Amino acid sequence: MSTAGGLIFIAMSKGERLHAFDQETGRLLWQTNLPAGGYATPATYEVKGRQYVVIACGGGKMHTKSGDAYVAFALRK
């Protein structure tokens, strides 16, 4: 998923992490551990002018542990 601010969010990996990359350079800007694999496409939404990214962490693919969480992160303004 990409944002208007030039970020690309990707979670599809056996490492159970969510990554943020710079759209122009491809440089890894940020990453965090997830409670289970995030094999879904991240989504973005806005509340009171603040943008968030959310991902379903269901895992269970490629021999990773299963999960049942949604994790949301607020983007910096």
PDB file of N, CA and C in Angstrom:
ATOM      1  N   MET A   1       0.843  -1.151   0.000  1.00  0.00           N
ATOM      2  CA  MET A   1       0.000   0.000   0.000  1.00  0.00           C
ATOM      3  C   MET A   1       0.898   1.227   0.000  1.00  0.00           C
ATOM      4  N   SER A   2       0.541   2.234  -0.805  1.00  0.00           N
ATOM      5  CA  SER A   2       1.326   3.466  -0.825  1.00  0.00           C
ATOM      6  C   SER A   2       0.473   4.633  -0.351  1.00  0.00           C
ATOM      7  N   THR A   3       1.137   5.638   0.207  1.00  0.00           N
ATOM      8  CA  THR A   3       0.462   6.833   0.698  1.00  0.00           C
ATOM      9  C   THR A   3       0.795   8.013  -0.199  1.00  0.00           C
ATOM     10  N   ALA A   4      -0.006   9.060  -0.091  1.00  0.00           N
ATOM     11  CA  ALA A   4       0.250  10.281  -0.862  1.00  0.00           C
ATOM     12  C   ALA A   4       1.556  10.939  -0.433  1.00  0.00           C
ATOM     13  N   GLY A   5       2.017  10.631   0.775  1.00  0.00           N
ATOM     14  CA  GLY A   5       3.265  11.194   1.280  1.00  0.00           C
ATOM     15  C   GLY A   5       4.504  10.446   0.837  1.00  0.00           C
ATOM     16  N   GLY A   6       4.359   9.445  -0.043  1.00  0.00           N
ATOM     17  CA  GLY A   6       5.521   8.750  -0.592  1.00  0.00           C
ATOM     18  C   GLY A   6       6.017   7.574   0.224  1.00  0.00           C
ATOM     19  N   LEU A   7       5.165   6.990   1.050  1.00  0.00           N
ATOM     20  CA  LEU A   7       5.547   5.810   1.818  1.00  0.00           C
ATOM     21  C   LEU A   7       4.903   4.575   1.205  1.00  0.00           C
ATOM     22  N   ILE A   8       5.615   3.458   1.259  1.00  0.00           N
ATOM     23  CA  ILE A   8       5.080   2.174   0.831  1.00  0.00           C
ATOM     24  C   ILE A   8       5.149   1.235   2.029  1.00  0.00           C
ATOM     25  N   PHE A   9       4.008   0.631   2.377  1.00  0.00           N
ATOM     26  CA  PHE A   9       3.931  -0.305   3.495  1.00  0.00           C
ATOM     27  C   PHE A   9       3.769  -1.716   2.955  1.00  0.00           C
ATOM     28  N   ILE A  10       4.616  -2.631   3.461  1.00  0.00           N
ATOM     29  CA  ILE A  10       4.601  -4.031   3.044  1.00  0.00           C
ATOM     30  C   ILE A  10       4.774  -4.894   4.292  1.00  0.00           C
ATOM     31  N   ALA A  11       3.970  -5.952   4.384  1.00  0.00           N
ATOM     32  CA  ALA A  11       4.102  -6.856   5.533  1.00  0.00           C
ATOM     33  C   ALA A  11       4.319  -8.294   5.107  1.00  0.00           C
ATOM     34  N   MET A  12       4.122  -8.636   3.856  1.00  0.00           N
ATOM     35  CA  MET A  12       4.182 -10.021   3.394  1.00  0.00           C
ATOM     36  C   MET A  12       5.586 -10.599   3.543  1.00  0.00           C
ATOM     37  N   SER A  13       5.801 -11.232   4.683  1.00  0.00           N
ATOM     38  CA  SER A  13       7.087 -11.896   4.893  1.00  0.00           C
ATOM     39  C   SER A  13       6.952 -12.897   6.022  1.00  0.00           C
ATOM     40  N   LYS A  14       7.816 -13.880   6.049  1.00  0.00           N
ATOM     41  CA  LYS A  14       7.818 -14.855   7.138  1.00  0.00           C
ATOM     42  C   LYS A  14       8.343 -14.231   8.419  1.00  0.00           C
ATOM     43  N   GLY A  15       8.928 -13.048   8.330  1.00  0.00           N
ATOM     44  CA  GLY A  15       9.510 -12.386   9.492  1.00  0.00           C
ATOM     45  C   GLY A  15       8.498 -11.740  10.413  1.00  0.00           C
ATOM     46  N   GLU A  16       7.208 -11.769  10.079  1.00  0.00           N
ATOM     47  CA  GLU A  16       6.146 -11.202  10.911  1.00  0.00           C
ATOM     48  C   GLU A  16       6.419  -9.745  11.267  1.00  0.00           C
ATOM     49  N   ARG A  17       6.737  -8.948  10.238  1.00  0.00           N
ATOM     50  CA  ARG A  17       7.026  -7.526  10.433  1.00  0.00           C
ATOM     51  C   ARG A  17       6.259  -6.694   9.412  1.00  0.00           C
ATOM     52  N   LEU A  18       6.005  -5.449   9.792  1.00  0.00           N
ATOM     53  CA  LEU A  18       5.472  -4.451   8.875  1.00  0.00           C
ATOM     54  C   LEU A  18       6.613  -3.506   8.555  1.00  0.00           C
ATOM     55  N   HIS A  19       6.818  -3.227   7.272  1.00  0.00           N
ATOM     56  CA  HIS A  19       7.915  -2.375   6.808  1.00  0.00           C
ATOM     57  C   HIS A  19       7.364  -1.131   6.120  1.00  0.00           C
ATOM     58  N   ALA A  20       8.075  -0.010   6.273  1.00  0.00           N
ATOM     59  CA  ALA A  20       7.756   1.218   5.542  1.00  0.00           C
ATOM     60  C   ALA A  20       8.987   1.607   4.731  1.00  0.00           C
ATOM     61  N   PHE A  21       8.777   1.824   3.432  1.00  0.00           N
ATOM     62  CA  PHE A  21       9.857   2.179   2.522  1.00  0.00           C
ATOM     63  C   PHE A  21       9.597   3.543   1.899  1.00  0.00           C
ATOM     64  N   ASP A  22      10.673   4.233   1.554  1.00  0.00           N
ATOM     65  CA  ASP A  22      10.564   5.470   0.789  1.00  0.00           C
ATOM     66  C   ASP A  22      10.225   5.105  -0.655  1.00  0.00           C
ATOM     67  N   GLN A  23       9.165   5.666  -1.170  1.00  0.00           N
ATOM     68  CA  GLN A  23       8.687   5.327  -2.522  1.00  0.00           C
ATOM     69  C   GLN A  23       9.699   5.685  -3.605  1.00  0.00           C
ATOM     70  N   GLU A  24      10.454   6.752  -3.419  1.00  0.00           N
ATOM     71  CA  GLU A  24      11.401   7.191  -4.460  1.00  0.00           C
ATOM     72  C   GLU A  24      12.719   6.436  -4.421  1.00  0.00           C
ATOM     73  N   THR A  25      13.233   6.161  -3.217  1.00  0.00           N
ATOM     74  CA  THR A  25      14.557   5.556  -3.109  1.00  0.00           C
ATOM     75  C   THR A  25      14.521   4.063  -2.809  1.00  0.00           C
ATOM     76  N   GLY A  26      13.386   3.577  -2.275  1.00  0.00           N
ATOM     77  CA  GLY A  26      13.298   2.190  -1.869  1.00  0.00           C
ATOM     78  C   GLY A  26      13.950   1.909  -0.533  1.00  0.00           C
ATOM     79  N   ARG A  27      14.432   2.947   0.125  1.00  0.00           N
ATOM     80  CA  ARG A  27      15.124   2.793   1.406  1.00  0.00           C
ATOM     81  C   ARG A  27      14.141   2.418   2.513  1.00  0.00           C
ATOM     82  N   LEU A  28      14.528   1.446   3.341  1.00  0.00           N
ATOM     83  CA  LEU A  28      13.726   1.065   4.495  1.00  0.00           C
ATOM     84  C   LEU A  28      13.764   2.199   5.508  1.00  0.00           C
ATOM     85  N   LEU A  29      12.596   2.719   5.876  1.00  0.00           N
ATOM     86  CA  LEU A  29      12.505   3.827   6.821  1.00  0.00           C
ATOM     87  C   LEU A  29      12.138   3.371   8.227  1.00  0.00           C
ATOM     88  N   TRP A  30      11.370   2.279   8.303  1.00  0.00           N
ATOM     89  CA  TRP A  30      10.840   1.858   9.597  1.00  0.00           C
ATOM     90  C   TRP A  30      10.356   0.421   9.473  1.00  0.00           C
ATOM     91  N   GLN A  31      10.414  -0.312  10.574  1.00  0.00           N
ATOM     92  CA  GLN A  31       9.822  -1.640  10.618  1.00  0.00           C
ATOM     93  C   GLN A  31       9.469  -1.958  12.060  1.00  0.00           C
ATOM     94  N   THR A  32       8.502  -2.833  12.229  1.00  0.00           N
ATOM     95  CA  THR A  32       8.086  -3.243  13.566  1.00  0.00           C
ATOM     96  C   THR A  32       7.616  -4.685  13.530  1.00  0.00           C
ATOM     97  N   ASN A  33       7.714  -5.346  14.648  1.00  0.00           N
ATOM     98  CA  ASN A  33       7.244  -6.724  14.754  1.00  0.00           C
ATOM     99  C   ASN A  33       5.726  -6.738  14.871  1.00  0.00           C
ATOM    100  N   LEU A  34       5.107  -7.767  14.316  1.00  0.00           N
ATOM    101  CA  LEU A  34       3.665  -7.980  14.398  1.00  0.00           C
ATOM    102  C   LEU A  34       3.401  -9.217  15.245  1.00  0.00           C
ATOM    103  N   PRO A  35       2.200  -9.340  15.836  1.00  0.00           N
ATOM    104  CA  PRO A  35       1.910 -10.517  16.661  1.00  0.00           C
ATOM    105  C   PRO A  35       1.800 -11.817  15.863  1.00  0.00           C
ATOM    106  N   ALA A  36       1.574 -11.709  14.565  1.00  0.00           N
ATOM    107  CA  ALA A  36       1.539 -12.858  13.644  1.00  0.00           C
ATOM    108  C   ALA A  36       1.764 -12.296  12.250  1.00  0.00           C
ATOM    109  N   GLY A  37       1.924 -13.162  11.271  1.00  0.00           N
ATOM    110  CA  GLY A  37       2.173 -12.704   9.908  1.00  0.00           C
ATOM    111  C   GLY A  37       1.070 -11.795   9.392  1.00  0.00           C
ATOM    112  N   GLY A  38       1.465 -10.715   8.728  1.00  0.00           N
ATOM    113  CA  GLY A  38       0.512  -9.775   8.142  1.00  0.00           C
ATOM    114  C   GLY A  38       0.425 -10.014   6.647  1.00  0.00           C
ATOM    115  N   TYR A  39      -0.280 -11.048   6.237  1.00  0.00           N
ATOM    116  CA  TYR A  39      -0.342 -11.402   4.822  1.00  0.00           C
ATOM    117  C   TYR A  39      -1.422 -10.651   4.064  1.00  0.00           C
ATOM    118  N   ALA A  40      -2.160  -9.795   4.748  1.00  0.00           N
ATOM    119  CA  ALA A  40      -3.177  -8.954   4.109  1.00  0.00           C
ATOM    120  C   ALA A  40      -2.526  -7.668   3.618  1.00  0.00           C
ATOM    121  N   THR A  41      -3.215  -6.978   2.724  1.00  0.00           N
ATOM    122  CA  THR A  41      -2.735  -5.667   2.280  1.00  0.00           C
ATOM    123  C   THR A  41      -3.042  -4.646   3.366  1.00  0.00           C
ATOM    124  N   PRO A  42      -2.060  -3.844   3.784  1.00  0.00           N
ATOM    125  CA  PRO A  42      -2.355  -2.799   4.763  1.00  0.00           C
ATOM    126  C   PRO A  42      -3.382  -1.814   4.203  1.00  0.00           C
ATOM    127  N   ALA A  43      -4.095  -1.155   5.090  1.00  0.00           N
ATOM    128  CA  ALA A  43      -5.069  -0.133   4.703  1.00  0.00           C
ATOM    129  C   ALA A  43      -4.750   1.144   5.462  1.00  0.00           C
ATOM    130  N   THR A  44      -5.250   2.258   4.954  1.00  0.00           N
ATOM    131  CA  THR A  44      -5.048   3.530   5.625  1.00  0.00           C
ATOM    132  C   THR A  44      -6.385   4.209   5.836  1.00  0.00           C
ATOM    133  N   TYR A  45      -6.470   4.986   6.909  1.00  0.00           N
ATOM    134  CA  TYR A  45      -7.673   5.755   7.197  1.00  0.00           C
ATOM    135  C   TYR A  45      -7.281   7.012   7.972  1.00  0.00           C
ATOM    136  N   GLU A  46      -8.204   7.941   8.087  1.00  0.00           N
ATOM    137  CA  GLU A  46      -7.932   9.204   8.762  1.00  0.00           C
ATOM    138  C   GLU A  46      -9.018   9.472   9.802  1.00  0.00           C
ATOM    139  N   VAL A  47      -8.599   9.925  10.982  1.00  0.00           N
ATOM    140  CA  VAL A  47      -9.510  10.316  12.047  1.00  0.00           C
ATOM    141  C   VAL A  47      -9.049  11.657  12.596  1.00  0.00           C
ATOM    142  N   LYS A  48      -9.917  12.659  12.537  1.00  0.00           N
ATOM    143  CA  LYS A  48      -9.619  13.996  13.059  1.00  0.00           C
ATOM    144  C   LYS A  48      -8.293  14.537  12.537  1.00  0.00           C
ATOM    145  N   GLY A  49      -8.052  14.329  11.244  1.00  0.00           N
ATOM    146  CA  GLY A  49      -6.852  14.866  10.605  1.00  0.00           C
ATOM    147  C   GLY A  49      -5.597  14.041  10.791  1.00  0.00           C
ATOM    148  N   ARG A  50      -5.654  12.926  11.490  1.00  0.00           N
ATOM    149  CA  ARG A  50      -4.490  12.071  11.713  1.00  0.00           C
ATOM    150  C   ARG A  50      -4.625  10.828  10.858  1.00  0.00           C
ATOM    151  N   GLN A  51      -3.562  10.474  10.130  1.00  0.00           N
ATOM    152  CA  GLN A  51      -3.589   9.306   9.260  1.00  0.00           C
ATOM    153  C   GLN A  51      -3.053   8.087  10.000  1.00  0.00           C
ATOM    154  N   TYR A  52      -3.707   6.949   9.764  1.00  0.00           N
ATOM    155  CA  TYR A  52      -3.333   5.677  10.377  1.00  0.00           C
ATOM    156  C   TYR A  52      -3.147   4.613   9.305  1.00  0.00           C
ATOM    157  N   VAL A  53      -2.330   3.614   9.635  1.00  0.00           N
ATOM    158  CA  VAL A  53      -2.169   2.421   8.800  1.00  0.00           C
ATOM    159  C   VAL A  53      -2.550   1.234   9.666  1.00  0.00           C
ATOM    160  N   VAL A  54      -3.365   0.340   9.124  1.00  0.00           N
ATOM    161  CA  VAL A  54      -3.806  -0.842   9.866  1.00  0.00           C
ATOM    162  C   VAL A  54      -3.541  -2.092   9.034  1.00  0.00           C
ATOM    163  N   ILE A  55      -3.242  -3.191   9.729  1.00  0.00           N
ATOM    164  CA  ILE A  55      -3.008  -4.456   9.044  1.00  0.00           C
ATOM    165  C   ILE A  55      -3.612  -5.599   9.857  1.00  0.00           C
ATOM    166  N   ALA A  56      -4.208  -6.551   9.159  1.00  0.00           N
ATOM    167  CA  ALA A  56      -4.712  -7.772   9.794  1.00  0.00           C
ATOM    168  C   ALA A  56      -3.550  -8.738   9.954  1.00  0.00           C
ATOM    169  N   CYS A  57      -3.395  -9.276  11.146  1.00  0.00           N
ATOM    170  CA  CYS A  57      -2.296 -10.191  11.452  1.00  0.00           C
ATOM    171  C   CYS A  57      -2.866 -11.582  11.721  1.00  0.00           C
ATOM    172  N   GLY A  58      -3.161 -12.291  10.649  1.00  0.00           N
ATOM    173  CA  GLY A  58      -3.773 -13.608  10.769  1.00  0.00           C
ATOM    174  C   GLY A  58      -2.785 -14.750  10.719  1.00  0.00           C
ATOM    175  N   GLY A  59      -1.604 -14.493  10.136  1.00  0.00           N
ATOM    176  CA  GLY A  59      -0.577 -15.520  10.045  1.00  0.00           C
ATOM    177  C   GLY A  59      -1.085 -16.804   9.415  1.00  0.00           C
ATOM    178  N   GLY A  60      -0.483 -17.919   9.827  1.00  0.00           N
ATOM    179  CA  GLY A  60      -0.927 -19.238   9.407  1.00  0.00           C
ATOM    180  C   GLY A  60      -0.472 -19.686   8.032  1.00  0.00           C
ATOM    181  N   LYS A  61       0.246 -18.860   7.317  1.00  0.00           N
ATOM    182  CA  LYS A  61       0.754 -19.242   5.993  1.00  0.00           C
ATOM    183  C   LYS A  61       2.258 -19.472   6.082  1.00  0.00           C
ATOM    184  N   MET A  62       2.759 -20.238   5.154  1.00  0.00           N
ATOM    185  CA  MET A  62       4.206 -20.503   5.064  1.00  0.00           C
ATOM    186  C   MET A  62       4.763 -20.977   6.407  1.00  0.00           C
ATOM    187  N   HIS A  63       3.976 -21.802   7.116  1.00  0.00           N
ATOM    188  CA  HIS A  63       4.392 -22.411   8.382  1.00  0.00           C
ATOM    189  C   HIS A  63       4.667 -21.378   9.484  1.00  0.00           C
ATOM    190  N   THR A  64       3.924 -20.253   9.479  1.00  0.00           N
ATOM    191  CA  THR A  64       4.047 -19.273  10.559  1.00  0.00           C
ATOM    192  C   THR A  64       2.878 -19.453  11.523  1.00  0.00           C
ATOM    193  N   LYS A  65       3.040 -18.948  12.740  1.00  0.00           N
ATOM    194  CA  LYS A  65       1.973 -19.087  13.738  1.00  0.00           C
ATOM    195  C   LYS A  65       0.736 -18.314  13.306  1.00  0.00           C
ATOM    196  N   SER A  66      -0.421 -18.798  13.721  1.00  0.00           N
ATOM    197  CA  SER A  66      -1.683 -18.126  13.426  1.00  0.00           C
ATOM    198  C   SER A  66      -1.920 -17.003  14.428  1.00  0.00           C
ATOM    199  N   GLY A  67      -2.708 -16.024  14.010  1.00  0.00           N
ATOM    200  CA  GLY A  67      -3.042 -14.913  14.886  1.00  0.00           C
ATOM    201  C   GLY A  67      -4.450 -14.432  14.608  1.00  0.00           C
ATOM    202  N   ASP A  68      -4.893 -13.459  15.398  1.00  0.00           N
ATOM    203  CA  ASP A  68      -6.253 -12.937  15.242  1.00  0.00           C
ATOM    204  C   ASP A  68      -6.323 -11.451  15.607  1.00  0.00           C
ATOM    205  N   ALA A  69      -5.323 -10.687  15.221  1.00  0.00           N
ATOM    206  CA  ALA A  69      -5.248  -9.287  15.632  1.00  0.00           C
ATOM    207  C   ALA A  69      -5.245  -8.343  14.432  1.00  0.00           C
ATOM    208  N   TYR A  70      -5.760  -7.156  14.678  1.00  0.00           N
ATOM    209  CA  TYR A  70      -5.568  -6.016  13.779  1.00  0.00           C
ATOM    210  C   TYR A  70      -4.667  -5.055  14.530  1.00  0.00           C
ATOM    211  N   VAL A  71      -3.644  -4.540  13.856  1.00  0.00           N
ATOM    212  CA  VAL A  71      -2.719  -3.609  14.481  1.00  0.00           C
ATOM    213  C   VAL A  71      -2.717  -2.316  13.671  1.00  0.00           C
ATOM    214  N   ALA A  72      -2.881  -1.182  14.366  1.00  0.00           N
ATOM    215  CA  ALA A  72      -2.924   0.119  13.708  1.00  0.00           C
ATOM    216  C   ALA A  72      -1.789   0.996  14.221  1.00  0.00           C
ATOM    217  N   PHE A  73      -1.259   1.822  13.335  1.00  0.00           N
ATOM    218  CA  PHE A  73      -0.161   2.734  13.656  1.00  0.00           C
ATOM    219  C   PHE A  73      -0.535   4.128  13.181  1.00  0.00           C
ATOM    220  N   ALA A  74      -0.264   5.128  13.989  1.00  0.00           N
ATOM    221  CA  ALA A  74      -0.487   6.520  13.599  1.00  0.00           C
ATOM    222  C   ALA A  74       0.746   7.021  12.863  1.00  0.00           C
ATOM    223  N   LEU A  75       0.552   7.703  11.755  1.00  0.00           N
ATOM    224  CA  LEU A  75       1.664   8.289  11.013  1.00  0.00           C
ATOM    225  C   LEU A  75       2.002   9.644  11.609  1.00  0.00           C
ATOM    226  N   ARG A  76       3.263  10.007  11.512  1.00  0.00           N
ATOM    227  CA  ARG A  76       3.676  11.336  11.992  1.00  0.00           C
ATOM    228  C   ARG A  76       3.076  12.408  11.108  1.00  0.00           C
ATOM    229  N   LYS A  77       2.756  13.516  11.727  1.00  0.00           N
ATOM    230  CA  LYS A  77       2.208  14.645  10.970  1.00  0.00           C
ATOM    231  C   LYS A  77       3.308  15.413  10.296  1.00  0.00           C
TER     232      LYS A  77
END
